[in-house]
Protein backbone atom coordinates (compact mmCIF):
# COMPACT_ATOMS: atom_id res chain seq x y z
CA UNK A 1 238.49 42.21 291.13
CA UNK A 2 237.48 38.92 290.33
CA UNK A 3 238.18 35.44 291.72
CA UNK A 4 240.10 32.39 289.97
CA UNK A 5 236.38 31.36 288.23
CA UNK A 6 235.19 35.02 287.76
CA UNK A 7 233.37 35.82 291.16
CA UNK A 8 232.98 38.95 292.22
CA UNK A 9 235.39 39.63 295.01
CA UNK A 10 233.86 42.41 297.91
CA UNK A 11 234.47 43.53 301.30
CA UNK A 12 232.59 40.93 303.34
CA UNK A 13 232.91 38.45 300.87
CA UNK A 14 233.63 34.55 302.44
CA UNK A 15 236.42 32.55 300.22
CA UNK A 16 238.24 29.60 299.99
CA UNK A 17 242.07 30.65 300.03
CA UNK A 18 245.22 28.55 300.19
CA UNK A 19 246.91 29.83 303.40
CA UNK A 20 251.39 29.69 303.45
CA UNK A 21 252.65 26.30 305.32
CA UNK A 22 248.80 24.76 304.71
CA UNK A 23 248.44 21.37 302.74
CA UNK A 24 244.89 22.10 302.11
CA UNK A 25 242.14 25.43 302.44
CA UNK A 26 240.49 27.73 304.70
CA UNK A 27 237.52 29.52 304.60
CA UNK A 28 238.58 33.40 304.83
CA UNK A 29 236.88 36.92 304.57
CA UNK A 30 237.40 39.95 301.92
CA UNK A 31 238.80 42.87 304.73
CA UNK A 32 239.88 45.39 301.75
CA UNK A 33 241.37 45.76 298.42
CA UNK A 34 245.14 47.12 297.21
CA UNK A 35 245.40 47.91 293.66
CA UNK A 36 246.23 44.94 292.68
CA UNK A 37 245.79 42.60 295.53
CA UNK A 38 243.43 41.28 298.07
CA UNK A 39 242.92 41.65 302.09
CA UNK A 40 242.14 38.53 303.17
CA UNK A 41 241.84 37.07 306.80
CA UNK A 42 240.87 33.52 308.18
CA UNK A 43 241.36 31.52 311.46
CA UNK A 44 243.86 29.46 311.93
CA UNK A 45 243.53 25.95 313.62
CA UNK A 46 244.79 27.24 317.35
CA UNK A 47 242.44 30.44 317.42
CA UNK A 48 245.00 33.01 315.56
CA UNK A 49 243.21 35.14 313.65
CA UNK A 50 245.67 35.54 310.08
CA UNK A 51 245.97 39.09 308.20
CA UNK A 52 247.49 38.94 304.66
CA UNK A 53 247.25 39.82 301.06
CA UNK A 54 246.74 37.88 297.89
CA UNK A 55 246.03 38.14 293.93
CA UNK A 56 242.58 38.18 293.37
CA UNK A 57 242.73 34.50 290.83
CA UNK A 58 244.33 33.10 293.93
CA UNK A 59 240.74 33.00 295.36
CA UNK A 60 237.03 30.92 294.79
CA UNK A 61 234.16 32.72 296.58
CA UNK A 62 231.59 31.10 298.72
CA UNK A 63 228.83 31.72 296.09
CA UNK A 64 226.30 29.18 298.50
């Protein structure tokens, strides 16, 4: 699968995500794949780990 800019997504990749009910971006980690979506987890500002599914074209992989 590929992100918004066409970079290959793989398990362990750090990505920028737009979490539900957030006004900005958060850094998350790709933890897996389904046939059409990507499993991502990130830590919110209260220290809780949030896991969710999202289409791959909503992510931007961190390349540096």
